[in-house]
N, C-alpha and C. Protein backbone atom coordinates (compact mmCIF):
# COMPACT_ATOMS: atom_id res chain seq x y z
N MET A 1 36.73 -3.24 -19.62
CA MET A 1 37.14 -4.12 -19.62
C MET A 1 35.06 -4.64 -18.90
N SER A 2 34.69 -5.18 -19.38
CA SER A 2 33.65 -5.69 -18.82
C SER A 2 33.49 -6.83 -17.08
N ILE A 3 32.60 -6.70 -16.60
CA ILE A 3 32.74 -7.48 -15.52
C ILE A 3 32.59 -8.56 -16.01
N SER A 4 31.63 -9.22 -17.26
CA SER A 4 31.79 -10.56 -17.64
C SER A 4 32.93 -11.41 -17.45
N LYS A 5 34.07 -10.33 -18.31
CA LYS A 5 35.33 -11.67 -18.53
C LYS A 5 35.75 -10.83 -17.81
N ALA A 6 36.37 -9.96 -16.45
CA ALA A 6 37.09 -9.74 -15.37
C ALA A 6 36.53 -10.94 -14.08
N VAL A 7 35.34 -11.24 -14.13
CA VAL A 7 35.06 -12.16 -12.66
C VAL A 7 34.64 -13.17 -13.59
N ASP A 8 35.53 -14.44 -12.34
CA ASP A 8 35.35 -15.71 -12.72
C ASP A 8 34.22 -15.85 -11.98
N PRO A 9 32.50 -16.86 -12.57
CA PRO A 9 32.47 -17.45 -11.15
C PRO A 9 32.54 -18.24 -10.26
N LEU A 10 31.55 -18.10 -9.42
CA LEU A 10 31.59 -18.70 -7.94
C LEU A 10 30.74 -19.89 -7.80
N PHE A 11 30.33 -21.03 -7.14
CA PHE A 11 29.56 -21.81 -6.96
C PHE A 11 29.38 -21.62 -4.91
N THR A 12 28.20 -21.93 -4.80
CA THR A 12 27.92 -21.79 -3.26
C THR A 12 28.14 -23.01 -2.44
N THR A 13 29.10 -23.81 -2.90
CA THR A 13 29.08 -25.13 -2.14
C THR A 13 29.24 -25.29 -0.98
N THR A 14 30.26 -24.38 -0.17
CA THR A 14 30.79 -24.35 1.09
C THR A 14 30.49 -23.12 1.23
N ILE A 15 29.75 -23.00 0.53
CA ILE A 15 28.83 -21.61 1.48
C ILE A 15 27.39 -21.88 2.44
N ARG A 16 27.42 -21.97 4.16
CA ARG A 16 26.60 -22.38 4.34
C ARG A 16 26.22 -20.81 5.70
N ASN A 17 26.37 -19.95 5.72
CA ASN A 17 25.80 -18.32 6.75
C ASN A 17 25.88 -17.84 5.96
N ILE A 18 24.18 -16.77 6.13
CA ILE A 18 23.85 -15.97 6.24
C ILE A 18 24.43 -14.54 6.61
N GLN A 19 24.47 -14.02 6.39
CA GLN A 19 25.21 -12.57 6.89
C GLN A 19 24.07 -11.63 7.13
N ARG A 20 23.56 -10.61 8.64
CA ARG A 20 22.61 -9.98 9.09
C ARG A 20 23.25 -8.58 9.51
N PRO A 21 22.07 -7.92 9.40
CA PRO A 21 22.68 -6.56 9.67
C PRO A 21 22.76 -6.76 11.12
N SER A 22 23.92 -6.25 12.01
CA SER A 22 24.26 -6.13 13.43
C SER A 22 23.22 -5.03 14.21
N ASP A 23 23.09 -3.71 13.25
CA ASP A 23 22.53 -3.12 14.27
C ASP A 23 21.33 -3.00 14.33
N ILE A 24 20.57 -4.01 13.92
CA ILE A 24 18.72 -3.62 13.32
C ILE A 24 17.98 -4.56 14.49
N SER A 25 17.63 -3.83 15.56
CA SER A 25 17.01 -4.95 16.14
C SER A 25 15.82 -5.14 15.68
N PRO A 26 14.89 -6.20 16.05
CA PRO A 26 13.68 -6.82 15.83
C PRO A 26 12.12 -6.24 15.59
N LEU A 27 11.23 -6.09 14.74
CA LEU A 27 10.55 -5.56 15.03
C LEU A 27 9.74 -5.82 15.54
N THR A 28 9.13 -5.55 15.96
CA THR A 28 8.31 -5.80 17.23
C THR A 28 6.81 -4.68 17.64
N LEU A 29 5.54 -4.95 17.92
CA LEU A 29 3.91 -4.57 18.26
C LEU A 29 4.94 -2.92 19.57
N GLN A 30 6.39 -3.28 20.33
CA GLN A 30 6.06 -2.08 20.90
C GLN A 30 7.10 -1.26 20.01
N SER A 31 7.95 -1.37 18.93
CA SER A 31 8.03 -0.86 18.35
C SER A 31 7.54 0.49 17.90
N PRO A 32 8.82 1.63 17.88
CA PRO A 32 8.36 3.02 17.17
C PRO A 32 7.57 2.80 15.72
N ALA A 33 6.63 3.20 15.64
CA ALA A 33 5.66 3.54 14.33
C ALA A 33 5.87 3.53 13.07
N ILE A 34 7.03 4.71 13.53
CA ILE A 34 8.47 5.57 12.22
C ILE A 34 8.72 4.51 11.85
N GLU A 35 9.27 2.99 12.76
CA GLU A 35 10.16 2.86 11.60
C GLU A 35 9.39 1.32 10.76
N VAL A 36 8.27 1.88 10.42
CA VAL A 36 7.46 1.05 9.38
C VAL A 36 6.89 1.84 8.33
N LEU A 37 7.11 3.51 8.72
CA LEU A 37 6.87 4.20 7.40
C LEU A 37 7.47 4.33 6.54
N ASN A 38 6.49 3.86 4.89
CA ASN A 38 7.35 4.45 4.06
C ASN A 38 7.13 5.86 3.46
N ASP A 39 8.39 6.20 3.74
CA ASP A 39 8.96 7.95 3.72
C ASP A 39 9.21 8.66 2.10
N PHE A 40 7.92 9.56 2.18
CA PHE A 40 8.48 9.79 0.64
C PHE A 40 9.44 10.57 1.09
N THR A 41 9.65 11.06 1.97
CA THR A 41 11.06 12.22 1.75
C THR A 41 12.40 11.12 1.86
N ARG A 42 12.16 9.95 1.61
CA ARG A 42 13.67 9.51 1.79
C ARG A 42 13.45 8.08 0.11
N GLN A 43 12.15 8.37 -0.17
CA GLN A 43 11.67 7.66 -1.39
C GLN A 43 10.37 8.20 -2.46
N ASN A 44 10.83 7.76 -3.16
CA ASN A 44 10.00 8.63 -4.65
C ASN A 44 8.35 7.82 -4.39
N PRO A 45 6.82 8.19 -4.03
CA PRO A 45 6.10 6.97 -3.70
C PRO A 45 5.40 6.67 -5.26
N LEU A 46 5.13 5.57 -5.92
CA LEU A 46 4.31 4.75 -6.63
C LEU A 46 3.76 4.93 -6.85
N MET A 47 2.99 5.91 -8.23
CA MET A 47 2.02 6.90 -8.21
C MET A 47 1.21 6.43 -10.00
N LEU A 48 -0.47 6.01 -10.16
CA LEU A 48 -0.77 5.38 -10.95
C LEU A 48 -1.54 7.27 -11.55
N GLU A 49 -1.53 7.52 -12.98
CA GLU A 49 -2.86 8.32 -13.51
C GLU A 49 -4.08 7.55 -13.06
N GLN A 50 -5.22 7.85 -12.80
CA GLN A 50 -6.45 7.87 -12.74
C GLN A 50 -6.81 7.50 -14.22
N ASN A 51 -6.68 7.65 -14.87
CA ASN A 51 -6.96 6.80 -16.26
C ASN A 51 -6.30 5.89 -16.91
N THR A 52 -5.50 5.30 -16.34
CA THR A 52 -4.49 3.77 -16.62
C THR A 52 -5.64 2.91 -16.27
N SER A 53 -5.87 1.99 -17.31
CA SER A 53 -6.16 0.67 -17.21
C SER A 53 -6.47 -0.06 -15.47
N ILE A 54 -7.86 -1.20 -15.50
CA ILE A 54 -7.32 -1.64 -14.27
C ILE A 54 -6.50 -2.66 -14.76
N ASN A 55 -6.56 -3.15 -15.65
CA ASN A 55 -5.42 -4.07 -16.41
C ASN A 55 -4.16 -3.60 -15.81
N ASP A 56 -4.41 -2.48 -17.19
CA ASP A 56 -2.28 -2.00 -17.02
C ASP A 56 -2.13 -2.14 -15.38
N ALA A 57 -3.00 -1.31 -14.68
CA ALA A 57 -2.30 -1.25 -12.90
C ALA A 57 -2.19 -2.42 -12.41
N ARG A 58 -2.68 -3.68 -13.30
CA ARG A 58 -2.54 -5.09 -12.53
C ARG A 58 -1.13 -5.88 -12.59
N GLU A 59 -0.84 -4.78 -13.85
CA GLU A 59 -0.14 -5.24 -14.49
C GLU A 59 1.65 -5.05 -13.92
N ILE A 60 1.28 -2.72 -13.84
CA ILE A 60 2.17 -2.60 -12.97
C ILE A 60 2.52 -3.12 -11.76
N MET A 61 1.60 -4.05 -10.51
CA MET A 61 1.31 -4.25 -9.29
C MET A 61 2.89 -5.86 -9.67
N ARG A 62 1.99 -6.08 -10.52
CA ARG A 62 3.05 -7.04 -10.82
C ARG A 62 4.79 -6.90 -10.84
N ARG A 63 4.84 -6.62 -12.03
CA ARG A 63 6.06 -5.99 -12.44
C ARG A 63 7.43 -5.38 -11.39
N THR A 64 6.22 -4.53 -10.43
CA THR A 64 7.22 -4.03 -9.57
C THR A 64 6.68 -4.17 -7.57
N HIS A 65 6.24 -5.90 -7.79
CA HIS A 65 5.63 -6.30 -6.49
C HIS A 65 5.18 -5.28 -5.71
N THR A 66 4.44 -4.43 -5.94
CA THR A 66 3.53 -3.44 -5.11
C THR A 66 2.29 -3.77 -5.30
N ARG A 67 1.68 -3.20 -3.45
CA ARG A 67 0.30 -3.88 -3.50
C ARG A 67 -0.47 -2.32 -3.56
N MET A 68 0.79 -1.44 -3.66
CA MET A 68 -1.21 -0.11 -3.39
C MET A 68 -0.25 0.68 -4.44
N PHE A 69 -0.62 2.05 -4.49
CA PHE A 69 0.09 3.04 -5.29
C PHE A 69 -0.96 4.54 -5.08
N LEU A 70 -0.23 4.87 -4.95
CA LEU A 70 -1.05 6.39 -4.93
C LEU A 70 -1.83 6.74 -6.46
N VAL A 71 -2.71 7.93 -6.38
CA VAL A 71 -3.55 7.91 -7.99
C VAL A 71 -3.94 9.10 -7.65
N ILE A 72 -2.84 9.36 -9.03
CA ILE A 72 -3.46 11.32 -9.23
C ILE A 72 -4.11 11.28 -10.38
N ASP A 73 -3.78 12.71 -10.61
CA ASP A 73 -4.85 13.03 -12.03
C ASP A 73 -3.88 14.26 -13.17
N SER A 74 -4.26 14.19 -14.29
CA SER A 74 -3.06 14.77 -15.43
C SER A 74 -2.14 15.59 -14.42
N HIS A 75 -2.90 16.36 -13.13
CA HIS A 75 -1.79 17.39 -12.59
C HIS A 75 -0.78 17.11 -12.01
N GLU A 76 -0.95 15.96 -11.71
CA GLU A 76 -0.03 15.26 -10.42
C GLU A 76 -0.76 15.72 -8.84
N LEU A 77 -1.77 15.95 -9.00
CA LEU A 77 -3.11 16.54 -7.67
C LEU A 77 -3.66 14.90 -6.85
N PHE A 78 -2.91 14.48 -6.14
CA PHE A 78 -3.71 13.33 -5.27
C PHE A 78 -5.20 13.56 -5.66
N CYS A 79 -5.65 11.97 -5.71
CA CYS A 79 -7.18 11.57 -5.88
C CYS A 79 -7.04 10.42 -4.89
N GLY A 80 -6.22 9.40 -4.70
CA GLY A 80 -6.98 8.51 -4.02
C GLY A 80 -5.83 7.24 -4.20
N ILE A 81 -6.50 5.92 -3.03
CA ILE A 81 -4.94 4.87 -3.59
C ILE A 81 -6.01 4.04 -4.31
N ILE A 82 -5.20 3.00 -4.69
CA ILE A 82 -5.01 1.64 -5.47
C ILE A 82 -4.83 0.69 -5.16
N THR A 83 -5.31 -0.34 -4.59
CA THR A 83 -4.61 -1.87 -3.93
C THR A 83 -4.93 -2.99 -4.71
N LEU A 84 -3.92 -3.79 -4.89
CA LEU A 84 -3.89 -4.68 -5.88
C LEU A 84 -5.48 -5.43 -5.47
N ASP A 85 -5.56 -5.21 -4.52
CA ASP A 85 -7.36 -6.19 -3.16
C ASP A 85 -8.49 -5.34 -4.09
N ASP A 86 -8.45 -4.33 -4.78
CA ASP A 86 -9.00 -3.06 -5.79
C ASP A 86 -9.73 -4.06 -6.49
N LEU A 87 -8.16 -4.14 -7.39
CA LEU A 87 -8.05 -4.95 -8.68
C LEU A 87 -9.04 -6.31 -9.09
N VAL A 88 -8.70 -7.29 -7.89
CA VAL A 88 -9.11 -8.44 -7.97
C VAL A 88 -10.10 -8.79 -7.22
N SER A 89 -10.79 -7.93 -6.79
CA SER A 89 -12.28 -8.02 -5.63
C SER A 89 -13.40 -8.04 -6.47
N GLU A 90 -14.01 -8.40 -5.87
CA GLU A 90 -15.50 -8.52 -6.16
C GLU A 90 -16.49 -6.54 -7.35
N LYS A 91 -15.45 -6.05 -6.07
CA LYS A 91 -15.60 -4.33 -6.75
C LYS A 91 -15.70 -4.33 -7.78
N VAL A 92 -14.77 -4.77 -8.08
CA VAL A 92 -14.71 -4.63 -10.00
C VAL A 92 -15.88 -4.79 -11.01
N MET A 93 -16.34 -6.46 -10.08
CA MET A 93 -17.77 -6.91 -11.02
C MET A 93 -19.03 -5.98 -10.84
N LYS A 94 -18.63 -5.40 -9.46
CA LYS A 94 -19.78 -4.25 -8.96
C LYS A 94 -19.65 -2.93 -9.90
N LYS A 95 -18.62 -2.79 -9.92
CA LYS A 95 -18.65 -1.48 -10.89
C LYS A 95 -18.85 -1.86 -12.67
N MET A 96 -18.18 -2.50 -13.05
CA MET A 96 -18.53 -3.31 -14.05
C MET A 96 -20.50 -3.16 -14.78
N ALA A 97 -20.94 -3.91 -13.00
CA ALA A 97 -22.51 -3.65 -13.24
C ALA A 97 -22.92 -2.45 -13.38
N ILE A 98 -22.41 -2.04 -12.49
CA ILE A 98 -23.13 -0.63 -12.53
C ILE A 98 -22.66 0.75 -13.45
N SER A 99 -21.62 0.62 -14.45
CA SER A 99 -21.71 1.25 -15.41
C SER A 99 -21.70 0.97 -16.89
N GLN A 100 -21.72 -0.75 -16.82
CA GLN A 100 -22.47 -0.68 -17.54
C GLN A 100 -20.86 -1.52 -18.97
N LEU A 101 -19.56 -1.56 -18.60
CA LEU A 101 -18.18 -1.01 -19.36
C LEU A 101 -18.25 -2.40 -18.55
N ARG A 102 -17.00 -3.29 -20.42
CA ARG A 102 -16.30 -4.16 -19.54
C ARG A 102 -15.24 -3.97 -18.79
N ARG A 103 -14.69 -5.07 -18.58
CA ARG A 103 -13.42 -4.62 -17.78
C ARG A 103 -12.18 -3.68 -17.97
N ASP A 104 -11.88 -4.51 -19.46
CA ASP A 104 -11.16 -3.53 -19.99
C ASP A 104 -11.15 -2.03 -20.61
N GLU A 105 -12.21 -1.65 -20.17
CA GLU A 105 -12.39 -0.21 -20.40
C GLU A 105 -12.85 0.60 -18.53
N LEU A 106 -12.71 -0.33 -17.71
CA LEU A 106 -12.64 0.63 -16.75
C LEU A 106 -11.08 0.85 -16.11
N THR A 107 -11.88 2.46 -15.52
CA THR A 107 -9.33 2.90 -15.69
C THR A 107 -10.07 2.51 -13.98
N VAL A 108 -8.73 3.26 -12.79
CA VAL A 108 -8.60 3.27 -11.53
C VAL A 108 -8.95 4.05 -10.99
N ALA A 109 -9.77 4.82 -11.90
CA ALA A 109 -10.68 6.14 -10.98
C ALA A 109 -11.68 5.38 -10.86
N TYR A 110 -12.89 4.11 -10.81
CA TYR A 110 -13.41 3.98 -11.39
C TYR A 110 -13.44 2.74 -9.55
N VAL A 111 -12.55 1.97 -9.54
CA VAL A 111 -12.15 1.02 -8.51
C VAL A 111 -11.20 1.51 -7.36
N MET A 112 -10.35 2.66 -7.36
CA MET A 112 -9.86 3.29 -6.54
C MET A 112 -10.68 3.89 -5.02
N THR A 113 -9.80 3.81 -3.82
CA THR A 113 -10.43 4.60 -2.74
C THR A 113 -10.80 5.86 -2.86
N PRO A 114 -11.40 6.70 -3.41
CA PRO A 114 -10.94 8.25 -3.71
C PRO A 114 -10.50 8.94 -1.92
N ARG A 115 -9.42 10.31 -2.20
CA ARG A 115 -9.19 10.41 -0.97
C ARG A 115 -9.94 11.03 -0.02
N ASN A 116 -11.33 11.59 -0.54
CA ASN A 116 -12.32 11.40 0.43
C ASN A 116 -13.01 10.58 1.65
N ARG A 117 -12.59 9.33 0.80
CA ARG A 117 -12.79 8.19 1.65
C ARG A 117 -12.09 7.81 2.66
N LEU A 118 -10.41 7.85 2.81
CA LEU A 118 -9.18 7.43 3.04
C LEU A 118 -9.28 7.99 4.55
N ARG A 119 -9.02 7.28 5.71
CA ARG A 119 -8.66 7.34 6.91
C ARG A 119 -6.86 7.28 7.29
N ALA A 120 -6.83 8.42 7.21
CA ALA A 120 -4.97 9.07 7.49
C ALA A 120 -5.32 8.95 9.38
N ILE A 121 -3.26 9.90 9.67
CA ILE A 121 -2.77 9.87 10.36
C ILE A 121 -2.08 10.91 10.56
N ASP A 122 -2.26 11.63 11.24
CA ASP A 122 -1.32 12.82 11.32
C ASP A 122 -0.20 12.39 11.89
N LEU A 123 1.12 13.14 10.48
CA LEU A 123 2.35 12.24 11.02
C LEU A 123 2.89 12.78 12.66
N LYS A 124 2.76 13.67 13.60
CA LYS A 124 2.38 14.25 15.22
C LYS A 124 2.37 12.88 15.58
N THR A 125 1.00 12.69 15.14
CA THR A 125 0.34 12.30 16.08
C THR A 125 1.52 10.30 15.11
N PHE A 126 1.73 9.91 14.55
CA PHE A 126 1.83 8.70 14.11
C PHE A 126 3.41 8.49 14.80
N GLN A 127 4.31 9.62 15.03
CA GLN A 127 5.27 10.00 15.31
C GLN A 127 5.98 9.43 16.96
N LEU A 128 4.76 9.98 17.28
CA LEU A 128 4.12 9.19 19.11
C LEU A 128 3.91 7.38 18.87
N ALA A 129 3.26 7.18 17.78
CA ALA A 129 2.74 5.90 18.21
C ALA A 129 3.80 4.36 18.41
N SER A 130 2.72 3.50 18.64
CA SER A 130 4.12 2.15 18.48
C SER A 130 3.45 1.48 17.32
N VAL A 131 4.06 0.62 16.81
CA VAL A 131 3.39 -0.68 15.73
C VAL A 131 2.48 -1.69 15.94
N GLY A 132 2.05 -1.61 17.59
CA GLY A 132 0.67 -1.89 17.55
C GLY A 132 -0.38 -1.34 17.91
N GLU A 133 -0.22 0.17 18.49
CA GLU A 133 -1.14 1.03 18.44
C GLU A 133 -1.88 1.20 16.43
N ILE A 134 -1.06 1.39 15.67
CA ILE A 134 -0.80 1.08 14.32
C ILE A 134 -1.75 0.45 13.97
N LEU A 135 -1.42 -0.64 14.07
CA LEU A 135 -2.30 -1.57 13.70
C LEU A 135 -3.57 -1.92 14.24
N ALA A 136 -3.62 -1.98 15.95
CA ALA A 136 -4.59 -1.43 16.28
C ALA A 136 -5.81 -0.46 15.77
N LEU A 137 -5.23 0.88 15.12
CA LEU A 137 -6.07 1.92 14.25
C LEU A 137 -6.88 1.36 13.03
N MET A 138 -5.28 0.19 12.37
CA MET A 138 -6.02 -0.05 11.14
C MET A 138 -7.02 -1.37 11.37
N GLN A 139 -6.96 -2.39 12.70
CA GLN A 139 -8.18 -2.46 12.53
C GLN A 139 -9.63 -2.20 12.81
N ASP A 140 -9.12 -1.28 13.37
CA ASP A 140 -10.26 -0.49 14.01
C ASP A 140 -11.32 -0.04 12.80
N TYR A 141 -10.50 0.67 11.56
CA TYR A 141 -10.79 0.83 10.78
C TYR A 141 -10.79 -0.16 10.31
N GLY A 142 -10.44 -0.76 9.81
CA GLY A 142 -10.58 -2.37 8.71
C GLY A 142 -9.62 -1.58 7.25
N GLU A 143 -8.94 -1.10 8.15
CA GLU A 143 -7.54 -0.62 6.57
C GLU A 143 -6.69 -1.69 6.89
N GLN A 144 -5.96 -1.95 5.11
CA GLN A 144 -5.14 -2.73 4.77
C GLN A 144 -3.87 -1.43 4.67
N GLN A 145 -3.89 -0.31 4.28
CA GLN A 145 -2.82 0.69 4.23
C GLN A 145 -3.57 1.60 5.06
N MET A 146 -3.00 2.73 5.34
CA MET A 146 -3.12 3.95 6.37
C MET A 146 -2.42 5.22 5.63
N VAL A 147 -2.97 6.43 5.05
CA VAL A 147 -1.55 7.04 4.73
C VAL A 147 -1.83 8.01 6.16
N VAL A 148 -0.07 8.85 6.25
CA VAL A 148 0.50 9.66 7.26
C VAL A 148 0.30 10.76 6.26
N VAL A 149 0.03 12.05 7.23
CA VAL A 149 -0.09 13.18 6.44
C VAL A 149 0.26 14.32 7.24
N ASP A 150 1.49 15.09 6.15
CA ASP A 150 2.22 15.94 6.85
C ASP A 150 0.95 17.36 7.18
N THR A 151 0.37 17.55 7.57
CA THR A 151 -0.90 18.52 8.12
C THR A 151 -0.02 20.30 7.47
N PRO A 152 0.74 20.03 8.36
CA PRO A 152 0.58 21.75 8.26
C PRO A 152 1.32 22.00 6.61
N ASN A 153 2.12 21.14 5.87
CA ASN A 153 2.41 20.89 4.41
C ASN A 153 1.29 20.49 3.50
N GLY A 154 0.05 19.41 4.30
CA GLY A 154 -0.79 19.93 3.05
C GLY A 154 -0.37 18.68 2.37
N SER A 155 0.39 17.78 2.60
CA SER A 155 0.65 16.59 1.76
C SER A 155 0.91 15.66 2.24
N ILE A 156 0.56 13.89 1.88
CA ILE A 156 1.01 13.07 1.91
C ILE A 156 2.25 13.01 2.68
N ARG A 157 2.61 12.68 3.80
CA ARG A 157 4.00 11.92 4.13
C ARG A 157 4.83 11.02 3.58
N GLY A 158 3.43 9.90 3.43
CA GLY A 158 4.16 8.60 3.25
C GLY A 158 2.65 7.39 4.27
N TYR A 159 3.29 6.31 3.22
CA TYR A 159 2.23 5.26 3.91
C TYR A 159 2.39 4.19 5.07
N VAL A 160 2.15 3.45 5.96
CA VAL A 160 1.95 2.04 6.19
C VAL A 160 1.09 1.13 5.54
N SER A 161 1.76 -0.02 5.48
CA SER A 161 1.16 -1.22 5.20
C SER A 161 0.87 -2.36 6.13
N ALA A 162 0.07 -2.97 6.60
CA ALA A 162 -0.12 -4.48 7.57
C ALA A 162 0.91 -5.47 6.71
N HIS A 163 0.89 -5.40 5.08
CA HIS A 163 1.60 -6.16 4.68
C HIS A 163 3.17 -6.43 4.81
N GLY A 164 3.90 -4.97 4.78
CA GLY A 164 4.82 -4.64 4.95
C GLY A 164 5.34 -4.73 6.38
N ILE A 165 4.28 -4.51 7.93
CA ILE A 165 4.39 -5.04 8.82
C ILE A 165 4.65 -6.07 8.56
N ALA A 166 3.78 -7.17 8.34
CA ALA A 166 4.08 -8.25 8.53
C ALA A 166 5.28 -9.20 7.82
N ARG A 167 5.67 -8.72 6.71
CA ARG A 167 6.63 -9.30 6.37
C ARG A 167 7.79 -8.93 7.04
N ARG A 168 7.96 -7.35 7.60
CA ARG A 168 9.09 -7.02 8.36
C ARG A 168 9.09 -7.96 10.07
N MET A 169 7.82 -8.09 10.41
CA MET A 169 7.75 -8.73 11.51
C MET A 169 7.70 -10.25 11.34
N HIS A 170 7.89 -11.16 10.54
CA HIS A 170 7.61 -12.49 9.91
C HIS A 170 6.63 -13.20 10.39
N THR A 171 5.70 -12.83 10.34
CA THR A 171 4.16 -13.25 11.19
C THR A 171 3.33 -12.75 10.58
N PRO A 172 1.92 -13.56 10.32
CA PRO A 172 0.51 -13.32 9.64
C PRO A 172 0.10 -12.05 10.23
N LEU A 173 -0.39 -11.33 9.71
CA LEU A 173 -1.49 -10.71 9.42
C LEU A 173 -2.61 -9.92 9.41
N VAL A 174 -4.18 -10.50 10.73
CA VAL A 174 -4.85 -10.30 9.34
C VAL A 174 -5.94 -8.78 9.81
N ILE A 175 -5.76 -7.70 8.86
CA ILE A 175 -6.97 -6.74 9.38
C ILE A 175 -8.24 -6.79 8.64
N ASN A 176 -8.73 -7.02 9.29
CA ASN A 176 -11.03 -7.59 8.88
C ASN A 176 -11.69 -5.78 7.91
N GLU A 177 -11.43 -6.15 6.51
CA GLU A 177 -12.77 -4.82 6.30
C GLU A 177 -13.67 -5.06 6.99
N ARG A 178 -14.25 -3.14 6.72
CA ARG A 178 -15.41 -2.63 7.54
C ARG A 178 -15.91 -1.86 6.81
N ALA A 179 -17.40 -1.92 6.60
CA ALA A 179 -18.09 -0.95 6.16
C ALA A 179 -18.29 0.41 6.97
N VAL A 180 -17.09 1.27 6.53
CA VAL A 180 -17.36 2.86 7.84
C VAL A 180 -18.10 3.71 7.60
N LEU A 181 -19.23 4.12 6.04
CA LEU A 181 -20.03 4.47 6.44
C LEU A 181 -21.55 4.28 5.70
N PHE A 182 -22.14 5.09 5.76
CA PHE A 182 -23.73 4.08 5.56
C PHE A 182 -23.42 4.07 4.37
N ALA A 183 -22.68 4.60 3.62
CA ALA A 183 -22.78 4.37 1.57
C ALA A 183 -22.27 3.10 1.61
N ASP A 184 -21.35 2.83 2.46
CA ASP A 184 -20.51 1.37 2.28
C ASP A 184 -21.65 0.17 2.57
N ILE A 185 -22.13 0.09 3.89
CA ILE A 185 -23.21 -0.78 4.83
C ILE A 185 -24.18 -0.15 3.18
N PHE A 186 -25.39 0.47 3.01
CA PHE A 186 -26.11 -0.01 1.89
C PHE A 186 -25.55 -0.52 0.49
N THR A 187 -23.99 0.35 -0.15
CA THR A 187 -24.02 -0.68 -1.31
C THR A 187 -23.25 -2.00 -1.23
N THR A 188 -22.95 -2.31 0.41
CA THR A 188 -22.75 -4.24 0.54
C THR A 188 -24.30 -4.86 0.79
N ILE A 189 -25.12 -4.07 0.87
CA ILE A 189 -26.30 -5.32 1.04
C ILE A 189 -27.21 -4.61 -0.40
N ALA A 190 -27.39 -3.60 -0.78
CA ALA A 190 -28.13 -3.55 -2.17
C ALA A 190 -27.79 -4.78 -2.95
N VAL A 191 -25.73 -4.82 -3.74
CA VAL A 191 -25.50 -5.19 -4.41
C VAL A 191 -25.27 -7.11 -4.05
């Protein structure tokens, strides 16, 4: 028997309360940072291949309600990250002008942040930090996301995002982007 035949629908006319977990403490700036880690030992990382079109990447992000993906090559080796902000920013226009490609010809590889430009934090350091310390570090680096690496294993363990922290804390957080390399400053001024 199917569930649709076995269960009569209920209406919530008389329901007024919302249950909440009793053992979860609210997230604060003093909370251990490990509480906000998107840990790849507990959930599969979301990945896109670097030759995915930026239009397809944007649609995948929309459908999955995800703002960041790891970017991999055809051998599933880590290449960088792509964010929704990358796909809707002036970065796309700049890459179109430089490469002389149309938007539908651009791939994730053109607008992603390559791994050699990513700021990361070692897992052991991350485990000792508070949420506030991680947010301060993200602000210093001008990064909306920070990759957490397991250095001894040479792998990405997970990531933390300002958006995810803001959602958990029920408060808006603003991380201002910064040009952190001379090439970034030059590109910002030149274009």
